[in-house]
Amino acid sequence: ALAARLLGVDTEALIVGTTAGPTIPRDGTLLGALFESLVTLSVRTYAQANEARVHHLRTRAGEHEIDLIIERGDGRIVALEVKLSATINDNDTRHLRWLADTIGDDLLDVAIITTGKDAYRRQDGIAVIPAALLTA
């Protein structure tokens, strides 16, 4: 809310990305970008407390992107996607599945952080976790 206020954007600009307020280059809505930033801040805080590092992954040609890669000291990782949605479909998991196929056993777990209310694990093994459940 503070970031939106400082940017001078209204509700419509947050949700549908109208031109009200400053032009900010991004994919999706400003609300989605702010949600991803909030989740990233939380994950970075928890990772630092556990002596882990947080990265972002984007392949050179941009065909694959993972929002957050949490790397332990031994090099093993947890991968997270952040989605401004309460429901998840197979398209939302495609980059996580690609990563699992690419790095194998060095991938400890994968999850999608959502705006939903329920945490569960999909049949493909990908966890779906509401952002409200992220705690230290």
C-alpha atoms as a PDB file:
ATOM      1  CA  ALA A   1       0.000   0.000   0.000  1.00  0.00           C
ATOM      2  CA  LEU A   2       2.835   2.381   0.793  1.00  0.00           C
ATOM      3  CA  ALA A   3       4.541   1.708  -2.550  1.00  0.00           C
ATOM      4  CA  ALA A   4       1.285   2.291  -4.452  1.00  0.00           C
ATOM      5  CA  ARG A   5       0.713   5.540  -2.585  1.00  0.00           C
ATOM      6  CA  LEU A   6       4.243   6.753  -3.248  1.00  0.00           C
ATOM      7  CA  LEU A   7       3.831   5.919  -6.938  1.00  0.00           C
ATOM      8  CA  GLY A   8       0.597   7.909  -6.982  1.00  0.00           C
ATOM      9  CA  VAL A   9      -1.478   5.114  -8.503  1.00  0.00           C
ATOM     10  CA  ASP A  10      -5.143   4.403  -7.913  1.00  0.00           C
ATOM     11  CA  THR A  11      -7.011   1.097  -7.657  1.00  0.00           C
ATOM     12  CA  GLU A  12      -7.654   0.908 -11.407  1.00  0.00           C
ATOM     13  CA  ALA A  13      -3.961   1.368 -12.189  1.00  0.00           C
ATOM     14  CA  LEU A  14      -3.063  -1.396  -9.747  1.00  0.00           C
ATOM     15  CA  ILE A  15      -5.516  -3.933 -11.151  1.00  0.00           C
ATOM     16  CA  VAL A  16      -5.809  -3.275 -14.875  1.00  0.00           C
ATOM     17  CA  GLY A  17      -2.639  -1.305 -15.510  1.00  0.00           C
ATOM     18  CA  THR A  18      -4.184   1.875 -16.889  1.00  0.00           C
ATOM     19  CA  THR A  19      -1.976   4.827 -17.593  1.00  0.00           C
ATOM     20  CA  ALA A  20      -3.018   6.658 -14.441  1.00  0.00           C
ATOM     21  CA  GLY A  21       0.109   7.581 -12.560  1.00  0.00           C
ATOM     22  CA  PRO A  22       3.658   7.043 -13.757  1.00  0.00           C
ATOM     23  CA  THR A  23       4.518   4.621 -16.556  1.00  0.00           C
ATOM     24  CA  ILE A  24       6.350   1.649 -15.069  1.00  0.00           C
ATOM     25  CA  PRO A  25       7.671  -1.016 -17.460  1.00  0.00           C
ATOM     26  CA  ARG A  26       6.548  -4.491 -16.340  1.00  0.00           C
ATOM     27  CA  ASP A  27       4.776  -7.677 -17.331  1.00  0.00           C
ATOM     28  CA  GLY A  28       1.260  -7.923 -15.927  1.00  0.00           C
ATOM     29  CA  THR A  29      -0.366  -5.556 -13.489  1.00  0.00           C
ATOM     30  CA  LEU A  30       1.317  -3.268 -11.008  1.00  0.00           C
ATOM     31  CA  LEU A  31      -0.523  -5.127  -8.259  1.00  0.00           C
ATOM     32  CA  GLY A  32       1.148  -8.343  -9.437  1.00  0.00           C
ATOM     33  CA  ALA A  33       4.561  -6.684  -9.377  1.00  0.00           C
ATOM     34  CA  LEU A  34       3.965  -5.349  -5.866  1.00  0.00           C
ATOM     35  CA  PHE A  35       2.747  -8.776  -4.684  1.00  0.00           C
ATOM     36  CA  GLU A  36       5.874 -10.423  -6.097  1.00  0.00           C
ATOM     37  CA  SER A  37       8.038  -7.794  -4.385  1.00  0.00           C
ATOM     38  CA  LEU A  38       6.336  -8.445  -1.046  1.00  0.00           C
ATOM     39  CA  VAL A  39       6.842 -12.207  -1.348  1.00  0.00           C
ATOM     40  CA  THR A  40      10.465 -11.673  -2.414  1.00  0.00           C
ATOM     41  CA  LEU A  41      11.123  -9.480   0.615  1.00  0.00           C
ATOM     42  CA  SER A  42       9.694 -12.163   2.929  1.00  0.00           C
ATOM     43  CA  VAL A  43      11.634 -14.986   1.268  1.00  0.00           C
ATOM     44  CA  ARG A  44      14.900 -13.010   1.350  1.00  0.00           C
ATOM     45  CA  THR A  45      14.411 -12.331   5.071  1.00  0.00           C
ATOM     46  CA  TYR A  46      13.805 -16.010   5.870  1.00  0.00           C
ATOM     47  CA  ALA A  47      16.640 -17.160   3.610  1.00  0.00           C
ATOM     48  CA  GLN A  48      19.118 -14.779   5.226  1.00  0.00           C
ATOM     49  CA  ALA A  49      18.150 -16.045   8.679  1.00  0.00           C
ATOM     50  CA  ASN A  50      18.978 -19.562   7.438  1.00  0.00           C
ATOM     51  CA  GLU A  51      22.229 -18.569   5.711  1.00  0.00           C
ATOM     52  CA  ALA A  52      20.792 -19.175   2.248  1.00  0.00           C
ATOM     53  CA  ARG A  53      20.943 -16.940  -0.814  1.00  0.00           C
ATOM     54  CA  VAL A  54      18.076 -15.871  -3.085  1.00  0.00           C
ATOM     55  CA  HIS A  55      18.402 -15.484  -6.846  1.00  0.00           C
ATOM     56  CA  HIS A  56      16.212 -14.955  -9.903  1.00  0.00           C
ATOM     57  CA  LEU A  57      16.624 -17.228 -12.933  1.00  0.00           C
ATOM     58  CA  ARG A  58      15.969 -16.278 -16.536  1.00  0.00           C
ATOM     59  CA  THR A  59      17.453 -18.211 -19.431  1.00  0.00           C
ATOM     60  CA  ARG A  60      19.444 -16.267 -21.992  1.00  0.00           C
ATOM     61  CA  ALA A  61      16.683 -16.319 -24.609  1.00  0.00           C
ATOM     62  CA  GLY A  62      13.994 -15.745 -21.968  1.00  0.00           C
ATOM     63  CA  GLU A  63      12.092 -18.965 -22.627  1.00  0.00           C
ATOM     64  CA  HIS A  64      12.285 -20.001 -18.947  1.00  0.00           C
ATOM     65  CA  GLU A  65      12.060 -17.880 -15.822  1.00  0.00           C
ATOM     66  CA  ILE A  66      11.887 -18.750 -12.140  1.00  0.00           C
ATOM     67  CA  ASP A  67      10.940 -15.924  -9.786  1.00  0.00           C
ATOM     68  CA  LEU A  68      12.949 -17.067  -6.753  1.00  0.00           C
ATOM     69  CA  ILE A  69      15.768 -19.579  -6.392  1.00  0.00           C
ATOM     70  CA  ILE A  70      16.759 -20.195  -2.773  1.00  0.00           C
ATOM     71  CA  GLU A  71      20.224 -21.717  -2.588  1.00  0.00           C
ATOM     72  CA  ARG A  72      21.620 -23.442   0.477  1.00  0.00           C
ATOM     73  CA  GLY A  73      25.299 -23.484   1.298  1.00  0.00           C
ATOM     74  CA  ASP A  74      25.657 -26.937  -0.273  1.00  0.00           C
ATOM     75  CA  GLY A  75      24.298 -25.649  -3.594  1.00  0.00           C
ATOM     76  CA  ARG A  76      20.941 -27.429  -3.388  1.00  0.00           C
ATOM     77  CA  ILE A  77      17.929 -25.249  -4.122  1.00  0.00           C
ATOM     78  CA  VAL A  78      14.240 -24.585  -3.611  1.00  0.00           C
ATOM     79  CA  ALA A  79      12.477 -22.870  -6.509  1.00  0.00           C
ATOM     80  CA  LEU A  80       9.457 -20.589  -6.107  1.00  0.00           C
ATOM     81  CA  GLU A  81       7.076 -18.985  -8.562  1.00  0.00           C
ATOM     82  CA  VAL A  82       4.867 -16.113  -7.388  1.00  0.00           C
ATOM     83  CA  LYS A  83       1.376 -15.817  -8.863  1.00  0.00           C
ATOM     84  CA  LEU A  84      -1.240 -13.162  -8.171  1.00  0.00           C
ATOM     85  CA  SER A  85      -3.972 -15.753  -8.317  1.00  0.00           C
ATOM     86  CA  ALA A  86      -5.786 -18.070  -5.945  1.00  0.00           C
ATOM     87  CA  THR A  87      -5.885 -20.902  -8.490  1.00  0.00           C
ATOM     88  CA  ILE A  88      -3.001 -22.566 -10.307  1.00  0.00           C
ATOM     89  CA  ASN A  89      -3.004 -24.426 -13.615  1.00  0.00           C
ATOM     90  CA  ASP A  90      -0.426 -26.466 -15.552  1.00  0.00           C
ATOM     91  CA  ASN A  91       0.740 -23.398 -17.470  1.00  0.00           C
ATOM     92  CA  ASP A  92       1.730 -21.768 -14.166  1.00  0.00           C
ATOM     93  CA  THR A  93       4.009 -24.711 -13.318  1.00  0.00           C
ATOM     94  CA  ARG A  94       5.793 -25.156 -16.673  1.00  0.00           C
ATOM     95  CA  HIS A  95       9.016 -23.382 -15.669  1.00  0.00           C
ATOM     96  CA  LEU A  96       9.229 -25.268 -12.372  1.00  0.00           C
ATOM     97  CA  ARG A  97       8.779 -28.585 -14.194  1.00  0.00           C
ATOM     98  CA  TRP A  98      11.491 -27.567 -16.687  1.00  0.00           C
ATOM     99  CA  LEU A  99      13.864 -26.773 -13.823  1.00  0.00           C
ATOM    100  CA  ALA A 100      13.168 -30.112 -12.132  1.00  0.00           C
ATOM    101  CA  ASP A 101      13.945 -31.943 -15.372  1.00  0.00           C
ATOM    102  CA  THR A 102      17.099 -29.859 -15.877  1.00  0.00           C
ATOM    103  CA  ILE A 103      18.855 -30.041 -12.502  1.00  0.00           C
ATOM    104  CA  GLY A 104      17.515 -33.248 -10.970  1.00  0.00           C
ATOM    105  CA  ASP A 105      18.475 -34.093  -7.381  1.00  0.00           C
ATOM    106  CA  ASP A 106      19.944 -30.659  -6.603  1.00  0.00           C
ATOM    107  CA  LEU A 107      16.365 -29.381  -6.555  1.00  0.00           C
ATOM    108  CA  LEU A 108      15.020 -29.925  -3.041  1.00  0.00           C
ATOM    109  CA  ASP A 109      11.487 -28.684  -3.680  1.00  0.00           C
ATOM    110  CA  VAL A 110       9.326 -26.430  -5.843  1.00  0.00           C
ATOM    111  CA  ALA A 111       6.341 -24.306  -4.908  1.00  0.00           C
ATOM    112  CA  ILE A 112       4.047 -21.599  -6.163  1.00  0.00           C
ATOM    113  CA  ILE A 113       3.187 -18.779  -3.772  1.00  0.00           C
ATOM    114  CA  THR A 114      -0.380 -17.557  -4.348  1.00  0.00           C
ATOM    115  CA  THR A 115      -3.121 -15.323  -2.992  1.00  0.00           C
ATOM    116  CA  GLY A 116      -5.236 -18.387  -2.209  1.00  0.00           C
ATOM    117  CA  LYS A 117      -6.370 -19.625   1.190  1.00  0.00           C
ATOM    118  CA  ASP A 118      -5.361 -23.289   1.069  1.00  0.00           C
ATOM    119  CA  ALA A 119      -1.954 -24.946   0.957  1.00  0.00           C
ATOM    120  CA  TYR A 120      -1.705 -28.231  -0.921  1.00  0.00           C
ATOM    121  CA  ARG A 121       0.562 -30.300  -3.101  1.00  0.00           C
ATOM    122  CA  ARG A 122      -0.476 -30.898  -6.695  1.00  0.00           C
ATOM    123  CA  GLN A 123      -0.365 -34.352  -8.283  1.00  0.00           C
ATOM    124  CA  ASP A 124       2.871 -33.360 -10.064  1.00  0.00           C
ATOM    125  CA  GLY A 125       4.481 -32.716  -6.646  1.00  0.00           C
ATOM    126  CA  ILE A 126       4.505 -28.924  -6.840  1.00  0.00           C
ATOM    127  CA  ALA A 127       3.424 -27.255  -3.606  1.00  0.00           C
ATOM    128  CA  VAL A 128       0.902 -24.421  -3.679  1.00  0.00           C
ATOM    129  CA  ILE A 129       1.313 -22.102  -0.705  1.00  0.00           C
ATOM    130  CA  PRO A 130      -0.702 -18.992   0.209  1.00  0.00           C
ATOM    131  CA  ALA A 131       1.550 -15.984   0.826  1.00  0.00           C
ATOM    132  CA  ALA A 132      -0.274 -15.505   4.125  1.00  0.00           C
ATOM    133  CA  LEU A 133       1.368 -18.713   5.376  1.00  0.00           C
ATOM    134  CA  LEU A 134       4.928 -17.501   4.844  1.00  0.00           C
ATOM    135  CA  THR A 135       6.374 -17.114   8.299  1.00  0.00           C
ATOM    136  CA  ALA A 136       9.770 -17.458   9.899  1.00  0.00           C
END
